[in-house]
């Protein structure tokens, strides 16, 4: 899987996750392992970015739900998965890390539409 950076600033970078679902991952540039290690101002910026990304995914894809998760068990570098979910996606209602429950053919706007909107946001 190739990691494609789609946005970055001095504290964060955003990667597109290779999935049928609209799925991005927000990483801290500093390799913090746990949330409590992140300085307060960077933490506030992080949560603001997560919210903006969530709203942008909703605006672009009209999902049934947004999943936001941070695990870091295999990659101990603080990051957040922000995923648009649909009742007819292959995994719903389970997590997209589990085995698919069904075949699904989602008809979604191209990821480029999300990227265009992303670039217009003030934080981006």
N, C-alpha and C. Protein backbone atom coordinates (compact mmCIF):
# COMPACT_ATOMS: atom_id res chain seq x y z
N UNK A 1 0.84 -1.18 0.00
CA UNK A 1 0.00 0.00 0.00
C UNK A 1 0.89 1.24 0.00
N UNK A 2 0.66 2.13 -0.93
CA UNK A 2 1.43 3.35 -1.02
C UNK A 2 0.77 4.42 -0.17
N UNK A 3 1.57 5.13 0.58
CA UNK A 3 1.08 6.22 1.40
C UNK A 3 1.10 7.49 0.58
N UNK A 4 -0.05 8.10 0.43
CA UNK A 4 -0.17 9.32 -0.36
C UNK A 4 -0.53 10.48 0.56
N UNK A 5 0.42 11.39 0.78
CA UNK A 5 0.14 12.58 1.57
C UNK A 5 -0.72 13.51 0.74
N UNK A 6 -1.88 13.87 1.30
CA UNK A 6 -2.80 14.74 0.55
C UNK A 6 -2.84 16.15 1.12
N UNK A 7 -2.25 16.34 2.30
CA UNK A 7 -2.17 17.66 2.93
C UNK A 7 -1.19 17.59 4.08
N UNK A 8 -0.55 18.74 4.38
CA UNK A 8 0.30 18.82 5.56
C UNK A 8 0.46 20.26 5.98
N UNK A 9 0.78 20.44 7.25
CA UNK A 9 1.21 21.73 7.77
C UNK A 9 2.38 21.47 8.71
N UNK A 10 2.70 22.43 9.57
CA UNK A 10 3.88 22.25 10.42
C UNK A 10 3.72 21.17 11.48
N UNK A 11 2.48 20.82 11.84
CA UNK A 11 2.25 19.86 12.91
C UNK A 11 1.63 18.53 12.49
N UNK A 12 1.01 18.49 11.32
CA UNK A 12 0.22 17.32 10.91
C UNK A 12 0.40 17.01 9.44
N UNK A 13 0.06 15.78 9.09
CA UNK A 13 -0.10 15.42 7.68
C UNK A 13 -1.27 14.47 7.57
N UNK A 14 -1.89 14.48 6.39
CA UNK A 14 -3.09 13.70 6.12
C UNK A 14 -2.80 12.73 4.99
N UNK A 15 -3.12 11.46 5.23
CA UNK A 15 -2.93 10.42 4.22
C UNK A 15 -4.27 9.88 3.78
N UNK A 16 -4.35 9.47 2.53
CA UNK A 16 -5.51 8.75 2.02
C UNK A 16 -5.27 7.27 2.31
N UNK A 17 -6.27 6.61 2.88
CA UNK A 17 -6.17 5.18 3.14
C UNK A 17 -6.72 4.43 1.93
N UNK A 18 -6.06 3.39 1.52
CA UNK A 18 -6.48 2.60 0.37
C UNK A 18 -7.68 1.73 0.77
N UNK A 19 -8.89 2.16 0.38
CA UNK A 19 -10.11 1.47 0.78
C UNK A 19 -11.24 1.83 -0.18
N UNK A 20 -12.26 1.00 -0.22
CA UNK A 20 -13.47 1.31 -0.96
C UNK A 20 -14.21 2.47 -0.29
N UNK A 21 -13.96 2.66 1.00
CA UNK A 21 -14.60 3.71 1.78
C UNK A 21 -13.81 5.01 1.69
N UNK A 22 -14.48 6.15 1.77
CA UNK A 22 -13.75 7.41 1.92
C UNK A 22 -13.09 7.42 3.31
N UNK A 23 -11.76 7.35 3.33
CA UNK A 23 -11.04 7.09 4.57
C UNK A 23 -9.71 7.83 4.53
N UNK A 24 -9.51 8.68 5.51
CA UNK A 24 -8.24 9.40 5.62
C UNK A 24 -7.67 9.19 7.02
N UNK A 25 -6.35 9.45 7.15
CA UNK A 25 -5.67 9.29 8.43
C UNK A 25 -4.88 10.56 8.71
N UNK A 26 -5.14 11.15 9.87
CA UNK A 26 -4.45 12.36 10.30
C UNK A 26 -3.35 11.97 11.29
N UNK A 27 -2.10 12.31 10.94
CA UNK A 27 -0.93 11.99 11.76
C UNK A 27 -0.33 13.26 12.34
N UNK A 28 0.21 13.15 13.55
CA UNK A 28 1.06 14.20 14.06
C UNK A 28 2.43 14.05 13.41
N UNK A 29 3.07 15.17 13.09
CA UNK A 29 4.42 15.06 12.52
C UNK A 29 5.41 14.59 13.58
N UNK A 30 5.26 15.09 14.78
CA UNK A 30 6.07 14.60 15.89
C UNK A 30 5.53 13.22 16.24
N UNK A 31 6.38 12.22 16.38
CA UNK A 31 5.87 10.85 16.61
C UNK A 31 5.43 10.60 18.06
N UNK A 32 4.40 11.33 18.50
CA UNK A 32 3.85 11.07 19.83
C UNK A 32 3.26 9.67 19.85
N UNK A 33 3.44 9.00 20.96
CA UNK A 33 2.89 7.65 21.10
C UNK A 33 1.47 7.70 21.68
N UNK A 34 1.25 8.59 22.63
CA UNK A 34 -0.04 8.65 23.32
C UNK A 34 -0.57 10.08 23.32
N UNK A 35 -1.87 10.22 23.44
CA UNK A 35 -2.53 11.52 23.40
C UNK A 35 -2.03 12.46 24.49
N UNK A 36 -1.77 11.94 25.69
CA UNK A 36 -1.34 12.81 26.79
C UNK A 36 0.03 13.46 26.53
N UNK A 37 0.79 12.95 25.58
CA UNK A 37 2.10 13.51 25.26
C UNK A 37 2.00 14.76 24.37
N UNK A 38 0.86 14.96 23.74
CA UNK A 38 0.70 16.05 22.78
C UNK A 38 0.50 17.37 23.52
N UNK A 39 1.29 18.41 23.20
CA UNK A 39 1.09 19.71 23.83
C UNK A 39 -0.33 20.23 23.58
N UNK A 40 -0.85 20.97 24.54
CA UNK A 40 -2.24 21.42 24.51
C UNK A 40 -2.62 22.12 23.20
N UNK A 41 -1.83 23.06 22.74
CA UNK A 41 -2.17 23.82 21.52
C UNK A 41 -2.24 22.91 20.30
N UNK A 42 -1.32 21.97 20.21
CA UNK A 42 -1.34 21.04 19.08
C UNK A 42 -2.54 20.10 19.20
N UNK A 43 -2.88 19.72 20.41
CA UNK A 43 -4.05 18.88 20.64
C UNK A 43 -5.33 19.61 20.20
N UNK A 44 -5.43 20.89 20.51
CA UNK A 44 -6.61 21.67 20.11
C UNK A 44 -6.67 21.79 18.58
N UNK A 45 -5.52 22.01 17.96
CA UNK A 45 -5.47 22.05 16.49
C UNK A 45 -5.90 20.71 15.91
N UNK A 46 -5.43 19.63 16.51
CA UNK A 46 -5.75 18.28 16.04
C UNK A 46 -7.26 18.04 16.05
N UNK A 47 -7.91 18.36 17.18
CA UNK A 47 -9.35 18.13 17.26
C UNK A 47 -10.12 19.03 16.31
N UNK A 48 -9.63 20.25 16.08
CA UNK A 48 -10.25 21.12 15.08
C UNK A 48 -10.16 20.54 13.68
N UNK A 49 -8.98 19.99 13.36
CA UNK A 49 -8.80 19.37 12.04
C UNK A 49 -9.68 18.14 11.87
N UNK A 50 -9.78 17.33 12.92
CA UNK A 50 -10.64 16.14 12.86
C UNK A 50 -12.08 16.56 12.57
N UNK A 51 -12.56 17.59 13.25
CA UNK A 51 -13.93 18.05 13.03
C UNK A 51 -14.12 18.59 11.61
N UNK A 52 -13.16 19.37 11.12
CA UNK A 52 -13.27 19.89 9.75
C UNK A 52 -13.28 18.75 8.73
N UNK A 53 -12.44 17.76 8.92
CA UNK A 53 -12.42 16.62 8.01
C UNK A 53 -13.74 15.86 8.07
N UNK A 54 -14.25 15.65 9.27
CA UNK A 54 -15.54 14.98 9.44
C UNK A 54 -16.63 15.73 8.66
N UNK A 55 -16.72 17.03 8.83
CA UNK A 55 -17.74 17.82 8.14
C UNK A 55 -17.56 17.79 6.63
N UNK A 56 -16.32 17.78 6.19
CA UNK A 56 -16.04 17.72 4.76
C UNK A 56 -16.44 16.36 4.17
N UNK A 57 -16.17 15.28 4.90
CA UNK A 57 -16.61 13.96 4.44
C UNK A 57 -18.14 13.90 4.36
N UNK A 58 -18.82 14.48 5.35
CA UNK A 58 -20.29 14.51 5.34
C UNK A 58 -20.78 15.30 4.14
N UNK A 59 -20.19 16.47 3.90
CA UNK A 59 -20.61 17.31 2.78
C UNK A 59 -20.38 16.64 1.43
N UNK A 60 -19.29 15.91 1.31
CA UNK A 60 -18.93 15.29 0.02
C UNK A 60 -19.68 14.00 -0.24
N UNK A 61 -19.82 13.15 0.78
CA UNK A 61 -20.30 11.79 0.56
C UNK A 61 -21.68 11.47 1.16
N UNK A 62 -22.22 12.34 2.01
CA UNK A 62 -23.52 12.10 2.66
C UNK A 62 -23.59 10.71 3.30
N UNK A 63 -22.62 10.39 4.16
CA UNK A 63 -22.60 9.06 4.78
C UNK A 63 -23.70 8.90 5.82
N UNK A 64 -23.94 7.65 6.19
CA UNK A 64 -24.87 7.36 7.28
C UNK A 64 -24.21 7.61 8.63
N UNK A 65 -22.89 7.52 8.68
CA UNK A 65 -22.15 7.67 9.94
C UNK A 65 -20.69 7.99 9.62
N UNK A 66 -20.05 8.70 10.52
CA UNK A 66 -18.60 8.92 10.44
C UNK A 66 -17.96 8.14 11.58
N UNK A 67 -16.95 7.37 11.28
CA UNK A 67 -16.17 6.68 12.32
C UNK A 67 -14.86 7.43 12.51
N UNK A 68 -14.51 7.67 13.76
CA UNK A 68 -13.24 8.30 14.12
C UNK A 68 -12.58 7.37 15.13
N UNK A 69 -11.37 6.93 14.80
CA UNK A 69 -10.71 5.95 15.67
C UNK A 69 -9.22 6.23 15.75
N UNK A 70 -8.66 5.92 16.91
CA UNK A 70 -7.22 5.98 17.10
C UNK A 70 -6.80 4.74 17.86
N UNK A 71 -6.00 3.89 17.23
CA UNK A 71 -5.55 2.67 17.88
C UNK A 71 -4.04 2.70 18.10
N UNK A 72 -3.28 2.67 17.04
CA UNK A 72 -1.83 2.73 17.16
C UNK A 72 -1.18 1.50 17.76
N UNK A 73 -1.86 0.36 17.72
CA UNK A 73 -1.26 -0.85 18.27
C UNK A 73 -0.13 -1.37 17.39
N UNK A 74 -0.32 -1.34 16.09
CA UNK A 74 0.72 -1.82 15.18
C UNK A 74 1.67 -0.69 14.78
N UNK A 75 1.18 0.53 14.79
CA UNK A 75 1.99 1.70 14.46
C UNK A 75 1.88 2.68 15.64
N UNK A 76 2.83 2.63 16.57
CA UNK A 76 2.72 3.45 17.78
C UNK A 76 3.09 4.91 17.55
N UNK A 77 2.43 5.53 16.59
CA UNK A 77 2.58 6.95 16.26
C UNK A 77 1.17 7.50 16.22
N UNK A 78 0.86 8.46 17.09
CA UNK A 78 -0.51 8.97 17.22
C UNK A 78 -1.08 9.37 15.86
N UNK A 79 -2.22 8.77 15.54
CA UNK A 79 -2.93 9.13 14.31
C UNK A 79 -4.40 8.77 14.46
N UNK A 80 -5.21 9.40 13.64
CA UNK A 80 -6.67 9.22 13.68
C UNK A 80 -7.17 8.76 12.33
N UNK A 81 -8.00 7.75 12.35
CA UNK A 81 -8.71 7.28 11.16
C UNK A 81 -10.05 7.99 11.13
N UNK A 82 -10.37 8.62 10.02
CA UNK A 82 -11.65 9.32 9.86
C UNK A 82 -12.29 8.71 8.62
N UNK A 83 -13.43 8.03 8.83
CA UNK A 83 -13.98 7.15 7.80
C UNK A 83 -15.46 7.45 7.59
N UNK A 84 -15.85 7.66 6.34
CA UNK A 84 -17.27 7.78 6.00
C UNK A 84 -17.86 6.38 5.88
N UNK A 85 -18.98 6.14 6.57
CA UNK A 85 -19.60 4.81 6.59
C UNK A 85 -21.01 4.87 6.02
N UNK A 86 -21.40 3.76 5.42
CA UNK A 86 -22.70 3.64 4.76
C UNK A 86 -23.34 2.33 5.17
N UNK A 87 -24.66 2.34 5.33
CA UNK A 87 -25.36 1.13 5.75
C UNK A 87 -25.17 -0.01 4.76
N UNK A 88 -24.87 0.32 3.51
CA UNK A 88 -24.66 -0.72 2.50
C UNK A 88 -23.18 -0.94 2.17
N UNK A 89 -22.27 -0.43 3.02
CA UNK A 89 -20.86 -0.70 2.74
C UNK A 89 -20.54 -2.14 3.14
N UNK A 90 -19.43 -2.70 2.69
CA UNK A 90 -19.15 -4.12 2.91
C UNK A 90 -19.06 -4.54 4.38
N UNK A 91 -18.78 -3.61 5.28
CA UNK A 91 -18.49 -3.95 6.67
C UNK A 91 -19.60 -3.57 7.65
N UNK A 92 -20.41 -2.61 7.28
CA UNK A 92 -21.41 -2.04 8.19
C UNK A 92 -22.34 -3.10 8.74
N UNK A 93 -22.60 -3.14 10.02
CA UNK A 93 -22.28 -2.14 11.05
C UNK A 93 -20.94 -2.39 11.75
N UNK A 94 -20.18 -3.38 11.33
CA UNK A 94 -18.89 -3.68 11.95
C UNK A 94 -17.83 -2.67 11.53
N UNK A 95 -16.66 -2.80 12.10
CA UNK A 95 -15.56 -1.91 11.74
C UNK A 95 -14.98 -2.34 10.39
N UNK A 96 -14.36 -1.43 9.67
CA UNK A 96 -13.76 -1.80 8.38
C UNK A 96 -12.47 -2.61 8.53
N UNK A 97 -12.04 -2.91 9.75
CA UNK A 97 -10.89 -3.77 9.97
C UNK A 97 -11.31 -5.23 10.04
N UNK A 98 -12.60 -5.47 10.13
CA UNK A 98 -13.10 -6.84 10.20
C UNK A 98 -13.35 -7.38 8.79
N UNK A 99 -13.68 -8.64 8.71
CA UNK A 99 -13.98 -9.25 7.42
C UNK A 99 -15.27 -8.63 6.86
N UNK A 100 -15.34 -8.44 5.54
CA UNK A 100 -16.57 -7.90 4.96
C UNK A 100 -17.75 -8.84 5.21
N UNK A 101 -18.91 -8.25 5.37
CA UNK A 101 -20.14 -9.01 5.58
C UNK A 101 -20.86 -9.28 4.27
N UNK A 102 -20.56 -8.49 3.26
CA UNK A 102 -21.27 -8.57 1.98
C UNK A 102 -20.42 -7.92 0.90
N UNK A 103 -20.76 -8.21 -0.34
CA UNK A 103 -20.18 -7.45 -1.44
C UNK A 103 -20.97 -6.17 -1.55
N UNK A 104 -20.29 -5.11 -1.82
CA UNK A 104 -20.98 -3.84 -1.95
C UNK A 104 -20.34 -3.04 -3.06
N UNK A 105 -21.18 -2.40 -3.82
CA UNK A 105 -20.70 -1.50 -4.86
C UNK A 105 -21.24 -0.12 -4.51
N UNK A 106 -20.38 0.65 -3.89
CA UNK A 106 -20.78 1.99 -3.51
C UNK A 106 -20.63 2.94 -4.69
N UNK A 107 -21.62 3.76 -4.90
CA UNK A 107 -21.56 4.79 -5.93
C UNK A 107 -21.33 6.11 -5.21
N UNK A 108 -20.08 6.54 -5.22
CA UNK A 108 -19.68 7.72 -4.47
C UNK A 108 -19.00 8.74 -5.38
N UNK A 109 -19.04 10.01 -4.99
CA UNK A 109 -18.27 11.00 -5.75
C UNK A 109 -16.79 10.63 -5.72
N UNK A 110 -16.05 11.01 -6.75
CA UNK A 110 -14.61 10.70 -6.77
C UNK A 110 -13.88 11.41 -5.62
N UNK A 111 -12.81 10.79 -5.17
CA UNK A 111 -12.02 11.35 -4.06
C UNK A 111 -11.51 12.75 -4.39
N UNK A 112 -11.31 13.04 -5.66
CA UNK A 112 -10.84 14.36 -6.08
C UNK A 112 -11.80 15.47 -5.64
N UNK A 113 -13.10 15.17 -5.56
CA UNK A 113 -14.05 16.17 -5.07
C UNK A 113 -13.78 16.51 -3.62
N UNK A 114 -13.50 15.50 -2.83
CA UNK A 114 -13.12 15.72 -1.44
C UNK A 114 -11.85 16.57 -1.37
N UNK A 115 -10.85 16.23 -2.19
CA UNK A 115 -9.59 16.97 -2.18
C UNK A 115 -9.78 18.44 -2.54
N UNK A 116 -10.62 18.73 -3.53
CA UNK A 116 -10.88 20.13 -3.92
C UNK A 116 -11.48 20.90 -2.76
N UNK A 117 -12.43 20.30 -2.07
CA UNK A 117 -13.05 20.95 -0.92
C UNK A 117 -12.05 21.10 0.22
N UNK A 118 -11.22 20.11 0.40
CA UNK A 118 -10.20 20.13 1.45
C UNK A 118 -9.28 21.33 1.29
N UNK A 119 -8.84 21.58 0.07
CA UNK A 119 -7.91 22.67 -0.19
C UNK A 119 -8.53 24.05 0.03
N UNK A 120 -9.87 24.15 0.01
CA UNK A 120 -10.55 25.44 0.18
C UNK A 120 -10.76 25.79 1.65
N UNK A 121 -10.61 24.83 2.55
CA UNK A 121 -10.85 25.10 3.97
C UNK A 121 -9.74 25.97 4.54
N UNK A 122 -10.10 26.78 5.51
CA UNK A 122 -9.14 27.72 6.10
C UNK A 122 -7.96 27.01 6.76
N UNK A 123 -8.23 25.91 7.43
CA UNK A 123 -7.14 25.19 8.11
C UNK A 123 -6.27 24.42 7.12
N UNK A 124 -6.76 24.26 5.93
CA UNK A 124 -6.05 23.47 4.94
C UNK A 124 -5.53 24.38 3.86
